[in-house]
Amino acid sequence: MLFIGYPKCSTSNKAKKWLEDRGIEFIERHIVEDNPKYDELTMLIKKYNLNISKLFNTSGMKYRELNLKDKLPKMSDDEKIKLLATDGMLVKRPLVILDDKVLIGFKEKEWAEYFN
C-alpha cells in the first residue's frame, strides 16, 4: 500500500495516525518532493476508473490562486492530468493506492469500511 501525503497537512497526519493505530503497514511518499507524474496519474485514473476532478485539492491555496474552480470545467481530461502532474499541492491528499482501490482524502467511515 502506498500512502502519498504531505507532512504539514493535518488531514494527511490524521490519516497516517489512523493507519498506524490499526497496525496497517504502508510505504509513505511526500507528495511535493515526489509528485505523482503524468504517466502514473493516467494509469491510476484508467485502472481504478477515477474521476479526475476528485483528484484536485479544491481547498488548497494553489487551487484558488490558479482560479481552477472556473478553469477546470473548460479543460480536457488530458489538460487536467498534465496540470495535476505539475505540482503536488494541487493533488488532494492523502492519496492511498491499494491493489484494488484508491482512497482519495481521509474519510474515516470509508476507510473503516475498506480496512475492516
N, C-alpha and C. Protein backbone atom coordinates (compact mmCIF):
# COMPACT_ATOMS: atom_id res chain seq x y z
N MET A 1 0.85 -1.17 0.00
CA MET A 1 0.00 0.00 0.00
C MET A 1 0.89 1.23 0.00
N LEU A 2 0.55 2.18 -0.86
CA LEU A 2 1.31 3.42 -0.96
C LEU A 2 0.47 4.56 -0.40
N PHE A 3 1.06 5.29 0.53
CA PHE A 3 0.42 6.43 1.16
C PHE A 3 1.14 7.68 0.68
N ILE A 4 0.44 8.49 -0.12
CA ILE A 4 1.03 9.73 -0.64
C ILE A 4 0.40 10.88 0.13
N GLY A 5 1.24 11.57 0.90
CA GLY A 5 0.72 12.65 1.74
C GLY A 5 1.69 13.80 1.84
N TYR A 6 1.31 14.76 2.66
CA TYR A 6 2.12 15.95 2.88
C TYR A 6 2.29 16.11 4.39
N PRO A 7 3.53 16.07 4.88
CA PRO A 7 3.78 16.10 6.32
C PRO A 7 3.20 17.31 7.07
N LYS A 8 2.98 18.42 6.38
CA LYS A 8 2.44 19.61 7.04
C LYS A 8 0.92 19.68 6.95
N CYS A 9 0.30 18.65 6.38
CA CYS A 9 -1.15 18.62 6.20
C CYS A 9 -1.79 17.86 7.37
N SER A 10 -2.70 18.52 8.08
CA SER A 10 -3.33 17.88 9.24
C SER A 10 -4.15 16.66 8.82
N THR A 11 -4.78 16.71 7.66
CA THR A 11 -5.57 15.56 7.20
C THR A 11 -4.66 14.38 6.89
N SER A 12 -3.54 14.62 6.23
CA SER A 12 -2.57 13.54 5.95
C SER A 12 -2.08 12.94 7.26
N ASN A 13 -1.77 13.79 8.23
CA ASN A 13 -1.26 13.30 9.51
C ASN A 13 -2.32 12.51 10.27
N LYS A 14 -3.55 12.95 10.22
CA LYS A 14 -4.65 12.24 10.88
C LYS A 14 -4.83 10.85 10.24
N ALA A 15 -4.79 10.81 8.91
CA ALA A 15 -4.95 9.55 8.19
C ALA A 15 -3.79 8.60 8.49
N LYS A 16 -2.59 9.13 8.51
CA LYS A 16 -1.40 8.32 8.80
C LYS A 16 -1.50 7.72 10.20
N LYS A 17 -1.89 8.54 11.17
CA LYS A 17 -2.04 8.06 12.54
C LYS A 17 -3.13 6.99 12.61
N TRP A 18 -4.22 7.18 11.87
CA TRP A 18 -5.32 6.22 11.84
C TRP A 18 -4.81 4.86 11.37
N LEU A 19 -4.01 4.86 10.31
CA LEU A 19 -3.43 3.61 9.79
C LEU A 19 -2.48 2.98 10.82
N GLU A 20 -1.60 3.81 11.38
CA GLU A 20 -0.62 3.30 12.35
C GLU A 20 -1.30 2.73 13.58
N ASP A 21 -2.36 3.38 14.07
CA ASP A 21 -3.09 2.91 15.25
C ASP A 21 -3.73 1.54 15.01
N ARG A 22 -3.96 1.19 13.76
CA ARG A 22 -4.57 -0.10 13.41
C ARG A 22 -3.54 -1.11 12.92
N GLY A 23 -2.28 -0.72 12.98
CA GLY A 23 -1.21 -1.62 12.57
C GLY A 23 -1.18 -1.91 11.08
N ILE A 24 -1.70 -0.98 10.29
CA ILE A 24 -1.73 -1.16 8.84
C ILE A 24 -0.43 -0.60 8.27
N GLU A 25 0.31 -1.46 7.59
CA GLU A 25 1.61 -1.06 7.05
C GLU A 25 1.45 -0.36 5.71
N PHE A 26 2.33 0.59 5.47
CA PHE A 26 2.28 1.33 4.21
C PHE A 26 3.66 1.90 3.90
N ILE A 27 3.84 2.22 2.64
CA ILE A 27 5.03 2.93 2.19
C ILE A 27 4.60 4.38 2.04
N GLU A 28 5.37 5.29 2.62
CA GLU A 28 5.00 6.70 2.59
C GLU A 28 5.78 7.46 1.53
N ARG A 29 5.08 8.37 0.87
CA ARG A 29 5.71 9.20 -0.16
C ARG A 29 5.27 10.65 0.03
N HIS A 30 6.22 11.56 -0.03
CA HIS A 30 5.99 13.00 0.13
C HIS A 30 5.44 13.55 -1.19
N ILE A 31 4.23 14.08 -1.16
CA ILE A 31 3.54 14.48 -2.38
C ILE A 31 4.19 15.67 -3.10
N VAL A 32 4.94 16.50 -2.37
CA VAL A 32 5.59 17.64 -3.01
C VAL A 32 6.96 17.24 -3.56
N GLU A 33 7.71 16.49 -2.76
CA GLU A 33 9.05 16.06 -3.19
C GLU A 33 8.98 15.03 -4.31
N ASP A 34 7.91 14.23 -4.32
CA ASP A 34 7.75 13.18 -5.34
C ASP A 34 6.30 13.19 -5.83
N ASN A 35 5.96 14.26 -6.53
CA ASN A 35 4.60 14.46 -7.04
C ASN A 35 4.22 13.35 -8.02
N PRO A 36 2.97 12.88 -7.97
CA PRO A 36 2.53 11.92 -8.99
C PRO A 36 2.73 12.50 -10.39
N LYS A 37 3.36 11.74 -11.23
CA LYS A 37 3.67 12.17 -12.60
C LYS A 37 2.51 11.85 -13.55
N TYR A 38 2.58 12.41 -14.73
CA TYR A 38 1.53 12.26 -15.73
C TYR A 38 1.20 10.79 -16.00
N ASP A 39 2.24 9.98 -16.27
CA ASP A 39 2.00 8.56 -16.58
C ASP A 39 1.37 7.83 -15.41
N GLU A 40 1.81 8.13 -14.21
CA GLU A 40 1.27 7.47 -13.02
C GLU A 40 -0.20 7.87 -12.82
N LEU A 41 -0.49 9.15 -12.94
CA LEU A 41 -1.87 9.61 -12.79
C LEU A 41 -2.78 9.00 -13.86
N THR A 42 -2.30 8.96 -15.09
CA THR A 42 -3.08 8.38 -16.19
C THR A 42 -3.39 6.91 -15.91
N MET A 43 -2.40 6.17 -15.44
CA MET A 43 -2.59 4.76 -15.13
C MET A 43 -3.61 4.59 -14.00
N LEU A 44 -3.50 5.39 -12.94
CA LEU A 44 -4.42 5.29 -11.81
C LEU A 44 -5.86 5.60 -12.24
N ILE A 45 -6.01 6.64 -13.03
CA ILE A 45 -7.34 7.04 -13.49
C ILE A 45 -7.99 5.94 -14.32
N LYS A 46 -7.21 5.33 -15.20
CA LYS A 46 -7.75 4.25 -16.05
C LYS A 46 -8.00 2.97 -15.25
N LYS A 47 -7.00 2.55 -14.47
CA LYS A 47 -7.10 1.29 -13.73
C LYS A 47 -8.25 1.30 -12.71
N TYR A 48 -8.41 2.42 -12.03
CA TYR A 48 -9.39 2.49 -10.95
C TYR A 48 -10.64 3.29 -11.32
N ASN A 49 -10.73 3.70 -12.60
CA ASN A 49 -11.89 4.45 -13.09
C ASN A 49 -12.17 5.67 -12.20
N LEU A 50 -11.13 6.48 -11.98
CA LEU A 50 -11.25 7.63 -11.09
C LEU A 50 -11.79 8.85 -11.83
N ASN A 51 -12.54 9.64 -11.10
CA ASN A 51 -12.99 10.93 -11.60
C ASN A 51 -11.83 11.91 -11.40
N ILE A 52 -11.30 12.43 -12.48
CA ILE A 52 -10.12 13.29 -12.43
C ILE A 52 -10.35 14.49 -11.51
N SER A 53 -11.50 15.07 -11.58
CA SER A 53 -11.78 16.26 -10.77
C SER A 53 -11.67 15.98 -9.27
N LYS A 54 -11.94 14.75 -8.86
CA LYS A 54 -11.85 14.38 -7.44
C LYS A 54 -10.40 14.36 -6.95
N LEU A 55 -9.45 14.34 -7.88
CA LEU A 55 -8.03 14.32 -7.51
C LEU A 55 -7.50 15.71 -7.17
N PHE A 56 -8.27 16.74 -7.44
CA PHE A 56 -7.81 18.10 -7.15
C PHE A 56 -8.06 18.49 -5.70
N ASN A 57 -7.07 19.14 -5.10
CA ASN A 57 -7.16 19.66 -3.74
C ASN A 57 -7.90 21.00 -3.82
N THR A 58 -9.22 20.94 -3.80
CA THR A 58 -10.03 22.13 -4.01
C THR A 58 -9.95 23.12 -2.85
N SER A 59 -9.44 22.71 -1.71
CA SER A 59 -9.31 23.65 -0.58
C SER A 59 -7.91 24.24 -0.48
N GLY A 60 -7.05 23.90 -1.41
CA GLY A 60 -5.68 24.38 -1.36
C GLY A 60 -5.50 25.79 -1.92
N MET A 61 -4.45 26.46 -1.43
CA MET A 61 -4.15 27.81 -1.90
C MET A 61 -3.83 27.84 -3.39
N LYS A 62 -3.07 26.84 -3.84
CA LYS A 62 -2.67 26.79 -5.24
C LYS A 62 -3.90 26.69 -6.15
N TYR A 63 -4.88 25.89 -5.75
CA TYR A 63 -6.13 25.72 -6.49
C TYR A 63 -6.83 27.08 -6.65
N ARG A 64 -6.89 27.82 -5.54
CA ARG A 64 -7.54 29.13 -5.56
C ARG A 64 -6.72 30.14 -6.36
N GLU A 65 -5.40 30.12 -6.18
CA GLU A 65 -4.53 31.06 -6.90
C GLU A 65 -4.69 30.92 -8.41
N LEU A 66 -4.84 29.68 -8.87
CA LEU A 66 -4.96 29.42 -10.30
C LEU A 66 -6.39 29.53 -10.82
N ASN A 67 -7.32 29.87 -9.89
CA ASN A 67 -8.73 30.02 -10.25
C ASN A 67 -9.27 28.77 -10.96
N LEU A 68 -8.92 27.61 -10.41
CA LEU A 68 -9.28 26.35 -11.07
C LEU A 68 -10.77 26.02 -11.01
N LYS A 69 -11.46 26.60 -10.04
CA LYS A 69 -12.90 26.37 -9.96
C LYS A 69 -13.57 26.75 -11.29
N ASP A 70 -13.11 27.84 -11.88
CA ASP A 70 -13.68 28.30 -13.14
C ASP A 70 -13.01 27.66 -14.36
N LYS A 71 -11.73 27.32 -14.24
CA LYS A 71 -10.98 26.80 -15.39
C LYS A 71 -11.19 25.31 -15.65
N LEU A 72 -11.31 24.51 -14.59
CA LEU A 72 -11.40 23.05 -14.76
C LEU A 72 -12.54 22.60 -15.67
N PRO A 73 -13.74 23.17 -15.53
CA PRO A 73 -14.83 22.70 -16.39
C PRO A 73 -14.56 22.87 -17.89
N LYS A 74 -13.67 23.79 -18.23
CA LYS A 74 -13.37 24.06 -19.64
C LYS A 74 -12.16 23.26 -20.14
N MET A 75 -11.50 22.54 -19.24
CA MET A 75 -10.29 21.81 -19.60
C MET A 75 -10.59 20.38 -20.01
N SER A 76 -9.78 19.84 -20.91
CA SER A 76 -9.91 18.43 -21.28
C SER A 76 -9.33 17.57 -20.15
N ASP A 77 -9.65 16.29 -20.17
CA ASP A 77 -9.10 15.37 -19.17
C ASP A 77 -7.58 15.37 -19.23
N ASP A 78 -7.03 15.37 -20.43
CA ASP A 78 -5.59 15.36 -20.59
C ASP A 78 -4.96 16.61 -19.99
N GLU A 79 -5.57 17.76 -20.20
CA GLU A 79 -5.07 19.02 -19.63
C GLU A 79 -5.11 18.98 -18.10
N LYS A 80 -6.17 18.40 -17.55
CA LYS A 80 -6.29 18.29 -16.09
C LYS A 80 -5.17 17.40 -15.53
N ILE A 81 -4.93 16.28 -16.17
CA ILE A 81 -3.88 15.36 -15.70
C ILE A 81 -2.52 16.04 -15.78
N LYS A 82 -2.25 16.72 -16.88
CA LYS A 82 -0.97 17.43 -17.03
C LYS A 82 -0.81 18.48 -15.94
N LEU A 83 -1.87 19.18 -15.61
CA LEU A 83 -1.83 20.19 -14.55
C LEU A 83 -1.55 19.55 -13.19
N LEU A 84 -2.25 18.47 -12.88
CA LEU A 84 -2.02 17.77 -11.60
C LEU A 84 -0.56 17.32 -11.47
N ALA A 85 0.03 16.92 -12.59
CA ALA A 85 1.40 16.42 -12.58
C ALA A 85 2.44 17.51 -12.37
N THR A 86 2.02 18.78 -12.43
CA THR A 86 2.98 19.87 -12.28
C THR A 86 3.29 20.23 -10.85
N ASP A 87 2.38 19.91 -9.92
CA ASP A 87 2.55 20.39 -8.55
C ASP A 87 1.76 19.51 -7.57
N GLY A 88 2.46 18.90 -6.63
CA GLY A 88 1.82 18.04 -5.64
C GLY A 88 0.79 18.75 -4.79
N MET A 89 0.93 20.07 -4.66
CA MET A 89 -0.03 20.82 -3.85
C MET A 89 -1.40 20.92 -4.52
N LEU A 90 -1.49 20.57 -5.79
CA LEU A 90 -2.78 20.56 -6.47
C LEU A 90 -3.54 19.25 -6.25
N VAL A 91 -2.83 18.22 -5.78
CA VAL A 91 -3.42 16.89 -5.64
C VAL A 91 -4.03 16.73 -4.24
N LYS A 92 -5.26 16.25 -4.20
CA LYS A 92 -5.93 16.00 -2.92
C LYS A 92 -5.15 14.95 -2.16
N ARG A 93 -5.04 15.14 -0.88
CA ARG A 93 -4.27 14.22 -0.05
C ARG A 93 -5.03 13.88 1.22
N PRO A 94 -4.69 12.77 1.79
CA PRO A 94 -3.75 11.77 1.27
C PRO A 94 -4.35 11.01 0.09
N LEU A 95 -3.46 10.40 -0.63
CA LEU A 95 -3.83 9.53 -1.74
C LEU A 95 -3.27 8.16 -1.37
N VAL A 96 -4.15 7.19 -1.19
CA VAL A 96 -3.72 5.85 -0.79
C VAL A 96 -4.01 4.89 -1.93
N ILE A 97 -2.93 4.27 -2.42
CA ILE A 97 -3.06 3.37 -3.57
C ILE A 97 -2.93 1.93 -3.08
N LEU A 98 -4.00 1.17 -3.28
CA LEU A 98 -4.07 -0.23 -2.87
C LEU A 98 -4.14 -1.09 -4.13
N ASP A 99 -4.13 -2.39 -3.96
CA ASP A 99 -4.20 -3.28 -5.11
C ASP A 99 -5.51 -3.12 -5.89
N ASP A 100 -6.60 -2.90 -5.17
CA ASP A 100 -7.91 -2.89 -5.81
C ASP A 100 -8.67 -1.57 -5.71
N LYS A 101 -8.04 -0.55 -5.15
CA LYS A 101 -8.77 0.69 -4.89
C LYS A 101 -7.80 1.84 -4.64
N VAL A 102 -8.29 3.06 -4.86
CA VAL A 102 -7.57 4.26 -4.48
C VAL A 102 -8.46 5.04 -3.54
N LEU A 103 -7.93 5.41 -2.38
CA LEU A 103 -8.65 6.23 -1.44
C LEU A 103 -8.14 7.66 -1.60
N ILE A 104 -9.04 8.60 -1.83
CA ILE A 104 -8.67 9.99 -2.06
C ILE A 104 -9.19 10.82 -0.90
N GLY A 105 -8.27 11.45 -0.17
CA GLY A 105 -8.66 12.20 1.01
C GLY A 105 -8.92 11.22 2.15
N PHE A 106 -9.13 11.76 3.35
CA PHE A 106 -9.37 10.90 4.50
C PHE A 106 -10.81 11.04 4.95
N LYS A 107 -11.57 9.99 4.67
CA LYS A 107 -12.95 9.89 5.15
C LYS A 107 -12.98 8.66 6.04
N GLU A 108 -12.97 8.89 7.34
CA GLU A 108 -12.79 7.79 8.30
C GLU A 108 -13.79 6.66 8.09
N LYS A 109 -15.04 6.97 7.83
CA LYS A 109 -16.05 5.92 7.64
C LYS A 109 -15.69 5.05 6.43
N GLU A 110 -15.32 5.69 5.32
CA GLU A 110 -14.95 4.95 4.12
C GLU A 110 -13.73 4.07 4.37
N TRP A 111 -12.74 4.62 5.07
CA TRP A 111 -11.53 3.86 5.38
C TRP A 111 -11.85 2.68 6.29
N ALA A 112 -12.68 2.91 7.31
CA ALA A 112 -13.05 1.84 8.24
C ALA A 112 -13.76 0.71 7.50
N GLU A 113 -14.67 1.06 6.59
CA GLU A 113 -15.38 0.04 5.82
C GLU A 113 -14.40 -0.76 4.94
N TYR A 114 -13.44 -0.08 4.35
CA TYR A 114 -12.50 -0.77 3.47
C TYR A 114 -11.56 -1.67 4.27
N PHE A 115 -10.99 -1.18 5.35
CA PHE A 115 -9.96 -1.91 6.07
C PHE A 115 -10.50 -2.93 7.07
N ASN A 116 -11.80 -2.89 7.37
CA ASN A 116 -12.35 -3.84 8.35
C ASN A 116 -12.99 -5.04 7.69
